[in-house]
């Protein structure tokens, strides 16, 4: 594990930046543009962005989870313990926050694949939740090594 840890760490950070960057861009830029166009153009914009994000978002998150799991195994395992140190406690809290994001993305994928209607919360507020949780995860990551 020691050999691949730095590579997993770099991949994890780069994909995390891309993931949160997309969500931030959607909240700060794309959502403000949506009200500037007529209904037909808005629908085309949403469909175009939706197709791309449907391909990129879940795959990016999957690799974030995989690399995070690889790195987690260095700090939480049968030898090191599970909740013994403050680092481990913060890491478990980060994992729980990340799990909320993963479950939300899986829910959105399920809704999309089954062609169901998104809930109002998921449609209007999920990216806001992801940004808040993502910022908390980044802050906690920094706190782990203070």
N, C-alpha and C. Protein backbone atom coordinates (compact mmCIF):
# COMPACT_ATOMS: atom_id res chain seq x y z
N UNK A 1 0.82 -1.19 0.00
CA UNK A 1 0.00 0.00 0.00
C UNK A 1 0.86 1.26 0.00
N UNK A 2 1.97 1.21 0.68
CA UNK A 2 2.84 2.39 0.76
C UNK A 2 3.30 2.85 -0.63
N UNK A 3 3.46 1.91 -1.55
CA UNK A 3 3.95 2.26 -2.88
C UNK A 3 2.89 3.00 -3.69
N UNK A 4 1.65 2.57 -3.60
CA UNK A 4 0.61 3.19 -4.43
C UNK A 4 -0.11 4.36 -3.74
N UNK A 5 0.13 4.55 -2.44
CA UNK A 5 -0.55 5.62 -1.71
C UNK A 5 -0.38 6.99 -2.36
N UNK A 6 0.84 7.41 -2.73
CA UNK A 6 0.98 8.75 -3.33
C UNK A 6 0.22 8.90 -4.65
N UNK A 7 0.15 7.83 -5.43
CA UNK A 7 -0.58 7.88 -6.70
C UNK A 7 -2.08 7.97 -6.45
N UNK A 8 -2.57 7.17 -5.50
CA UNK A 8 -3.99 7.22 -5.15
C UNK A 8 -4.34 8.61 -4.60
N UNK A 9 -3.43 9.19 -3.83
CA UNK A 9 -3.66 10.51 -3.25
C UNK A 9 -3.79 11.58 -4.34
N UNK A 10 -2.89 11.56 -5.30
CA UNK A 10 -2.93 12.54 -6.39
C UNK A 10 -4.19 12.38 -7.22
N UNK A 11 -4.53 11.15 -7.58
CA UNK A 11 -5.74 10.89 -8.35
C UNK A 11 -6.96 11.36 -7.57
N UNK A 12 -7.00 11.05 -6.28
CA UNK A 12 -8.11 11.43 -5.41
C UNK A 12 -8.27 12.95 -5.38
N UNK A 13 -7.18 13.66 -5.20
CA UNK A 13 -7.24 15.13 -5.15
C UNK A 13 -7.67 15.73 -6.48
N UNK A 14 -7.11 15.25 -7.57
CA UNK A 14 -7.45 15.80 -8.89
C UNK A 14 -8.93 15.56 -9.21
N UNK A 15 -9.41 14.37 -8.97
CA UNK A 15 -10.81 14.07 -9.25
C UNK A 15 -11.75 14.82 -8.30
N UNK A 16 -11.32 15.00 -7.06
CA UNK A 16 -12.11 15.77 -6.10
C UNK A 16 -12.25 17.22 -6.55
N UNK A 17 -11.16 17.78 -7.06
CA UNK A 17 -11.20 19.15 -7.58
C UNK A 17 -12.15 19.23 -8.77
N UNK A 18 -12.07 18.27 -9.68
CA UNK A 18 -12.95 18.27 -10.85
C UNK A 18 -14.41 18.11 -10.42
N UNK A 19 -14.67 17.22 -9.49
CA UNK A 19 -16.03 16.94 -9.02
C UNK A 19 -16.65 18.19 -8.39
N UNK A 20 -15.95 18.77 -7.43
CA UNK A 20 -16.48 19.96 -6.77
C UNK A 20 -16.47 21.16 -7.71
N UNK A 21 -15.51 21.22 -8.62
CA UNK A 21 -15.48 22.29 -9.61
C UNK A 21 -16.69 22.26 -10.51
N UNK A 22 -17.10 21.08 -10.92
CA UNK A 22 -18.31 20.97 -11.76
C UNK A 22 -19.54 21.43 -10.98
N UNK A 23 -19.66 20.97 -9.74
CA UNK A 23 -20.82 21.35 -8.93
C UNK A 23 -20.83 22.86 -8.71
N UNK A 24 -19.67 23.43 -8.41
CA UNK A 24 -19.58 24.88 -8.21
C UNK A 24 -19.96 25.62 -9.49
N UNK A 25 -19.44 25.16 -10.62
CA UNK A 25 -19.76 25.79 -11.90
C UNK A 25 -21.25 25.72 -12.18
N UNK A 26 -21.86 24.58 -11.88
CA UNK A 26 -23.30 24.44 -12.08
C UNK A 26 -24.06 25.44 -11.22
N UNK A 27 -23.65 25.57 -9.96
CA UNK A 27 -24.35 26.49 -9.06
C UNK A 27 -24.10 27.95 -9.39
N UNK A 28 -22.86 28.30 -9.66
CA UNK A 28 -22.50 29.71 -9.82
C UNK A 28 -22.73 30.25 -11.22
N UNK A 29 -22.53 29.42 -12.24
CA UNK A 29 -22.58 29.93 -13.61
C UNK A 29 -23.79 29.40 -14.36
N UNK A 30 -23.89 28.09 -14.46
CA UNK A 30 -24.91 27.49 -15.31
C UNK A 30 -26.32 27.82 -14.82
N UNK A 31 -26.54 27.73 -13.52
CA UNK A 31 -27.90 28.00 -13.02
C UNK A 31 -28.30 29.46 -13.23
N UNK A 32 -27.34 30.36 -13.21
CA UNK A 32 -27.69 31.77 -13.46
C UNK A 32 -27.98 32.02 -14.94
N UNK A 33 -27.42 31.20 -15.82
CA UNK A 33 -27.68 31.35 -17.26
C UNK A 33 -29.04 30.78 -17.67
N UNK A 34 -29.51 29.82 -16.91
CA UNK A 34 -30.75 29.13 -17.30
C UNK A 34 -31.94 30.08 -17.41
N UNK A 35 -31.98 31.10 -16.59
CA UNK A 35 -33.11 32.03 -16.62
C UNK A 35 -32.99 33.08 -17.71
N UNK A 36 -31.89 33.10 -18.43
CA UNK A 36 -31.65 34.10 -19.46
C UNK A 36 -32.17 33.68 -20.83
N UNK A 37 -32.63 32.42 -20.97
CA UNK A 37 -33.05 31.89 -22.26
C UNK A 37 -34.51 31.47 -22.21
N UNK A 38 -35.10 31.33 -23.40
CA UNK A 38 -36.48 30.86 -23.46
C UNK A 38 -36.55 29.38 -23.07
N UNK A 39 -37.75 28.89 -22.85
CA UNK A 39 -37.97 27.53 -22.36
C UNK A 39 -37.36 26.45 -23.22
N UNK A 40 -37.45 26.58 -24.55
CA UNK A 40 -36.92 25.57 -25.45
C UNK A 40 -35.39 25.52 -25.37
N UNK A 41 -34.78 26.69 -25.34
CA UNK A 41 -33.31 26.76 -25.24
C UNK A 41 -32.85 26.22 -23.90
N UNK A 42 -33.57 26.55 -22.83
CA UNK A 42 -33.24 26.03 -21.50
C UNK A 42 -33.28 24.50 -21.50
N UNK A 43 -34.29 23.95 -22.14
CA UNK A 43 -34.44 22.49 -22.19
C UNK A 43 -33.25 21.87 -22.93
N UNK A 44 -32.84 22.48 -24.04
CA UNK A 44 -31.69 21.98 -24.80
C UNK A 44 -30.41 22.07 -23.98
N UNK A 45 -30.23 23.17 -23.27
CA UNK A 45 -29.04 23.33 -22.42
C UNK A 45 -29.03 22.25 -21.34
N UNK A 46 -30.17 22.06 -20.67
CA UNK A 46 -30.25 21.05 -19.61
C UNK A 46 -29.98 19.65 -20.14
N UNK A 47 -30.52 19.34 -21.32
CA UNK A 47 -30.30 18.01 -21.90
C UNK A 47 -28.83 17.80 -22.26
N UNK A 48 -28.22 18.81 -22.84
CA UNK A 48 -26.82 18.71 -23.23
C UNK A 48 -25.92 18.54 -22.01
N UNK A 49 -26.13 19.37 -21.01
CA UNK A 49 -25.33 19.27 -19.78
C UNK A 49 -25.62 17.98 -19.04
N UNK A 50 -26.89 17.57 -19.04
CA UNK A 50 -27.27 16.34 -18.35
C UNK A 50 -26.60 15.12 -18.94
N UNK A 51 -26.50 15.06 -20.27
CA UNK A 51 -25.86 13.92 -20.92
C UNK A 51 -24.40 13.82 -20.53
N UNK A 52 -23.72 14.96 -20.55
CA UNK A 52 -22.29 14.95 -20.19
C UNK A 52 -22.08 14.63 -18.72
N UNK A 53 -22.84 15.28 -17.87
CA UNK A 53 -22.64 15.06 -16.44
C UNK A 53 -23.03 13.64 -16.06
N UNK A 54 -24.01 13.06 -16.75
CA UNK A 54 -24.42 11.68 -16.48
C UNK A 54 -23.28 10.71 -16.78
N UNK A 55 -22.45 11.04 -17.76
CA UNK A 55 -21.31 10.19 -18.10
C UNK A 55 -20.12 10.43 -17.18
N UNK A 56 -19.85 11.67 -16.85
CA UNK A 56 -18.63 12.03 -16.12
C UNK A 56 -18.80 11.95 -14.61
N UNK A 57 -19.88 12.48 -14.09
CA UNK A 57 -20.10 12.62 -12.65
C UNK A 57 -20.00 11.28 -11.90
N UNK A 58 -20.74 10.24 -12.28
CA UNK A 58 -20.69 8.98 -11.53
C UNK A 58 -19.32 8.28 -11.62
N UNK A 59 -18.69 8.34 -12.78
CA UNK A 59 -17.38 7.69 -12.93
C UNK A 59 -16.33 8.41 -12.07
N UNK A 60 -16.38 9.73 -12.10
CA UNK A 60 -15.46 10.50 -11.27
C UNK A 60 -15.67 10.16 -9.80
N UNK A 61 -16.90 10.14 -9.37
CA UNK A 61 -17.19 9.83 -7.97
C UNK A 61 -16.76 8.41 -7.62
N UNK A 62 -16.96 7.47 -8.53
CA UNK A 62 -16.54 6.09 -8.27
C UNK A 62 -15.03 6.02 -8.02
N UNK A 63 -14.25 6.73 -8.82
CA UNK A 63 -12.80 6.70 -8.63
C UNK A 63 -12.38 7.48 -7.38
N UNK A 64 -13.13 8.51 -7.02
CA UNK A 64 -12.86 9.22 -5.76
C UNK A 64 -13.07 8.26 -4.59
N UNK A 65 -14.16 7.49 -4.64
CA UNK A 65 -14.46 6.54 -3.57
C UNK A 65 -13.40 5.43 -3.54
N UNK A 66 -13.01 4.92 -4.70
CA UNK A 66 -12.00 3.84 -4.74
C UNK A 66 -10.65 4.31 -4.21
N UNK A 67 -10.19 5.46 -4.67
CA UNK A 67 -8.90 5.96 -4.19
C UNK A 67 -8.98 6.35 -2.72
N UNK A 68 -10.13 6.90 -2.29
CA UNK A 68 -10.31 7.22 -0.88
C UNK A 68 -10.27 5.96 -0.02
N UNK A 69 -10.88 4.90 -0.50
CA UNK A 69 -10.83 3.63 0.22
C UNK A 69 -9.42 3.07 0.31
N UNK A 70 -8.67 3.22 -0.76
CA UNK A 70 -7.28 2.77 -0.74
C UNK A 70 -6.48 3.55 0.31
N UNK A 71 -6.67 4.85 0.35
CA UNK A 71 -5.94 5.67 1.31
C UNK A 71 -6.45 5.43 2.74
N UNK A 72 -7.74 5.23 2.89
CA UNK A 72 -8.32 4.99 4.20
C UNK A 72 -7.72 3.74 4.86
N UNK A 73 -7.44 2.74 4.05
CA UNK A 73 -6.93 1.49 4.61
C UNK A 73 -5.58 1.66 5.29
N UNK A 74 -4.89 2.75 5.02
CA UNK A 74 -3.62 3.03 5.70
C UNK A 74 -3.87 3.47 7.15
N UNK A 75 -4.98 4.15 7.40
CA UNK A 75 -5.24 4.75 8.70
C UNK A 75 -6.29 4.01 9.53
N UNK A 76 -7.16 3.29 8.86
CA UNK A 76 -8.19 2.52 9.57
C UNK A 76 -8.08 1.08 9.13
N UNK A 77 -7.62 0.24 10.04
CA UNK A 77 -7.50 -1.19 9.76
C UNK A 77 -7.39 -1.94 11.09
N UNK A 78 -7.29 -3.24 11.02
CA UNK A 78 -7.27 -4.04 12.25
C UNK A 78 -6.03 -3.79 13.09
N UNK A 79 -4.93 -3.40 12.47
CA UNK A 79 -3.71 -3.10 13.23
C UNK A 79 -3.73 -1.70 13.82
N UNK A 80 -4.16 -0.72 13.04
CA UNK A 80 -4.15 0.68 13.48
C UNK A 80 -5.34 1.03 14.36
N UNK A 81 -6.41 0.27 14.24
CA UNK A 81 -7.63 0.56 14.99
C UNK A 81 -8.65 1.26 14.11
N UNK A 82 -9.76 1.63 14.73
CA UNK A 82 -10.85 2.21 13.96
C UNK A 82 -11.26 3.60 14.47
N UNK A 83 -11.30 3.79 15.77
CA UNK A 83 -11.71 5.08 16.34
C UNK A 83 -10.74 5.53 17.44
N UNK A 84 -9.53 5.01 17.43
CA UNK A 84 -8.59 5.23 18.53
C UNK A 84 -7.99 6.64 18.55
N UNK A 85 -7.73 7.20 17.40
CA UNK A 85 -7.07 8.50 17.33
C UNK A 85 -8.03 9.55 16.78
N UNK A 86 -7.68 10.81 16.98
CA UNK A 86 -8.52 11.88 16.43
C UNK A 86 -8.50 11.83 14.91
N UNK A 87 -7.39 11.45 14.30
CA UNK A 87 -7.31 11.31 12.85
C UNK A 87 -8.36 10.30 12.36
N UNK A 88 -8.44 9.16 13.04
CA UNK A 88 -9.40 8.14 12.65
C UNK A 88 -10.84 8.61 12.84
N UNK A 89 -11.10 9.33 13.91
CA UNK A 89 -12.45 9.83 14.17
C UNK A 89 -12.87 10.84 13.10
N UNK A 90 -11.96 11.74 12.74
CA UNK A 90 -12.25 12.71 11.68
C UNK A 90 -12.45 12.00 10.35
N UNK A 91 -11.62 11.00 10.09
CA UNK A 91 -11.72 10.25 8.84
C UNK A 91 -13.07 9.54 8.73
N UNK A 92 -13.53 8.95 9.81
CA UNK A 92 -14.83 8.28 9.80
C UNK A 92 -15.94 9.30 9.54
N UNK A 93 -15.84 10.49 10.14
CA UNK A 93 -16.83 11.53 9.90
C UNK A 93 -16.81 11.96 8.43
N UNK A 94 -15.59 12.10 7.86
CA UNK A 94 -15.47 12.42 6.43
C UNK A 94 -16.13 11.36 5.57
N UNK A 95 -15.94 10.11 5.93
CA UNK A 95 -16.53 9.00 5.18
C UNK A 95 -18.06 9.08 5.22
N UNK A 96 -18.60 9.42 6.38
CA UNK A 96 -20.06 9.55 6.50
C UNK A 96 -20.59 10.69 5.63
N UNK A 97 -19.88 11.81 5.61
CA UNK A 97 -20.29 12.93 4.75
C UNK A 97 -20.21 12.54 3.27
N UNK A 98 -19.14 11.85 2.91
CA UNK A 98 -18.98 11.41 1.52
C UNK A 98 -20.07 10.40 1.15
N UNK A 99 -20.47 9.58 2.12
CA UNK A 99 -21.52 8.59 1.87
C UNK A 99 -22.84 9.27 1.53
N UNK A 100 -23.12 10.41 2.14
CA UNK A 100 -24.33 11.17 1.81
C UNK A 100 -24.31 11.58 0.33
N UNK A 101 -23.15 12.06 -0.12
CA UNK A 101 -23.01 12.46 -1.52
C UNK A 101 -23.18 11.25 -2.44
N UNK A 102 -22.52 10.15 -2.10
CA UNK A 102 -22.61 8.94 -2.92
C UNK A 102 -24.05 8.45 -3.01
N UNK A 103 -24.74 8.42 -1.89
CA UNK A 103 -26.14 7.96 -1.91
C UNK A 103 -27.01 8.89 -2.75
N UNK A 104 -26.75 10.19 -2.69
CA UNK A 104 -27.50 11.13 -3.51
C UNK A 104 -27.26 10.93 -4.99
N UNK A 105 -26.00 10.70 -5.36
CA UNK A 105 -25.67 10.46 -6.77
C UNK A 105 -26.30 9.14 -7.23
N UNK A 106 -26.22 8.11 -6.40
CA UNK A 106 -26.84 6.83 -6.75
C UNK A 106 -28.36 6.98 -6.90
N UNK A 107 -28.95 7.77 -6.03
CA UNK A 107 -30.39 8.03 -6.13
C UNK A 107 -30.72 8.73 -7.45
N UNK A 108 -29.92 9.74 -7.80
CA UNK A 108 -30.14 10.43 -9.08
C UNK A 108 -29.96 9.49 -10.27
N UNK A 109 -28.96 8.62 -10.20
CA UNK A 109 -28.76 7.65 -11.29
C UNK A 109 -29.96 6.71 -11.40
N UNK A 110 -30.44 6.24 -10.27
CA UNK A 110 -31.60 5.34 -10.27
C UNK A 110 -32.81 6.04 -10.88
N UNK A 111 -33.06 7.27 -10.47
CA UNK A 111 -34.20 8.03 -10.99
C UNK A 111 -34.05 8.23 -12.49
N UNK A 112 -32.85 8.54 -12.92
CA UNK A 112 -32.63 8.79 -14.35
C UNK A 112 -32.78 7.51 -15.17
N UNK A 113 -32.20 6.42 -14.68
CA UNK A 113 -32.26 5.16 -15.43
C UNK A 113 -33.68 4.59 -15.48
N UNK A 114 -34.45 4.82 -14.43
CA UNK A 114 -35.82 4.31 -14.41
C UNK A 114 -36.82 5.33 -14.95
N UNK A 115 -36.31 6.48 -15.40
CA UNK A 115 -37.11 7.54 -16.00
C UNK A 115 -38.23 8.04 -15.06
N UNK A 116 -37.89 8.08 -13.79
CA UNK A 116 -38.83 8.63 -12.81
C UNK A 116 -38.61 10.12 -12.66
N UNK A 117 -39.48 10.76 -11.94
CA UNK A 117 -39.36 12.20 -11.70
C UNK A 117 -38.48 12.43 -10.47
N UNK A 118 -37.53 13.38 -10.60
CA UNK A 118 -36.68 13.74 -9.47
C UNK A 118 -37.51 14.44 -8.40
N UNK A 119 -37.12 14.21 -7.16
CA UNK A 119 -37.79 14.94 -6.08
C UNK A 119 -37.39 16.42 -6.18
N UNK A 120 -38.20 17.26 -5.60
CA UNK A 120 -37.94 18.70 -5.64
C UNK A 120 -36.59 19.02 -4.98
N UNK A 121 -36.30 18.35 -3.86
CA UNK A 121 -35.02 18.60 -3.18
C UNK A 121 -33.85 18.25 -4.08
N UNK A 122 -33.90 17.08 -4.69
CA UNK A 122 -32.78 16.63 -5.53
C UNK A 122 -32.62 17.55 -6.74
N UNK A 123 -33.71 18.02 -7.27
CA UNK A 123 -33.65 18.87 -8.45
C UNK A 123 -33.14 20.28 -8.15
N UNK A 124 -33.52 20.81 -7.00
CA UNK A 124 -33.21 22.22 -6.73
C UNK A 124 -32.13 22.44 -5.68
N UNK A 125 -31.83 21.44 -4.85
CA UNK A 125 -30.93 21.70 -3.72
C UNK A 125 -29.77 20.72 -3.57
N UNK A 126 -29.75 19.64 -4.33
CA UNK A 126 -28.71 18.62 -4.12
C UNK A 126 -27.31 19.18 -4.35
N UNK A 127 -27.12 19.97 -5.39
CA UNK A 127 -25.78 20.51 -5.65
C UNK A 127 -25.34 21.46 -4.55
N UNK A 128 -26.27 22.17 -3.96
CA UNK A 128 -25.94 23.03 -2.81
C UNK A 128 -25.45 22.18 -1.64
N UNK A 129 -26.15 21.08 -1.40
CA UNK A 129 -25.73 20.16 -0.34
C UNK A 129 -24.35 19.57 -0.64
N UNK A 130 -24.12 19.19 -1.89
CA UNK A 130 -22.82 18.61 -2.27
C UNK A 130 -21.69 19.61 -2.05
N UNK A 131 -21.91 20.88 -2.40
CA UNK A 131 -20.88 21.90 -2.19
C UNK A 131 -20.57 22.06 -0.70
N UNK A 132 -21.61 22.15 0.12
CA UNK A 132 -21.40 22.31 1.57
C UNK A 132 -20.67 21.10 2.13
N UNK A 133 -21.12 19.90 1.78
CA UNK A 133 -20.45 18.69 2.28
C UNK A 133 -19.03 18.59 1.74
N UNK A 134 -18.83 18.95 0.47
CA UNK A 134 -17.49 18.91 -0.12
C UNK A 134 -16.53 19.85 0.59
N UNK A 135 -16.98 21.04 0.90
CA UNK A 135 -16.14 22.00 1.62
C UNK A 135 -15.81 21.47 3.01
N UNK A 136 -16.82 20.90 3.69
CA UNK A 136 -16.56 20.30 5.00
C UNK A 136 -15.56 19.16 4.91
N UNK A 137 -15.67 18.34 3.89
CA UNK A 137 -14.74 17.22 3.71
C UNK A 137 -13.32 17.74 3.51
N UNK A 138 -13.15 18.79 2.72
CA UNK A 138 -11.83 19.37 2.48
C UNK A 138 -11.26 19.94 3.78
N UNK A 139 -12.08 20.65 4.55
CA UNK A 139 -11.62 21.21 5.83
C UNK A 139 -11.23 20.10 6.79
N UNK A 140 -12.04 19.05 6.86
CA UNK A 140 -11.72 17.93 7.73
C UNK A 140 -10.45 17.21 7.30
N UNK A 141 -10.23 17.14 5.99
CA UNK A 141 -9.00 16.50 5.49
C UNK A 141 -7.77 17.27 5.99
N UNK A 142 -7.88 18.56 5.98
CA UNK A 142 -6.77 19.39 6.48
C UNK A 142 -6.62 19.21 7.99
N UNK A 143 -7.74 19.16 8.71
CA UNK A 143 -7.70 19.01 10.17
C UNK A 143 -7.10 17.67 10.60
N UNK A 144 -7.22 16.67 9.76
CA UNK A 144 -6.72 15.34 10.12
C UNK A 144 -5.23 15.36 10.41
N UNK A 145 -4.51 16.22 9.74
CA UNK A 145 -3.05 16.19 9.84
C UNK A 145 -2.47 17.41 10.55
N UNK A 146 -3.30 18.08 11.36
CA UNK A 146 -2.79 19.21 12.15
C UNK A 146 -2.10 18.71 13.40
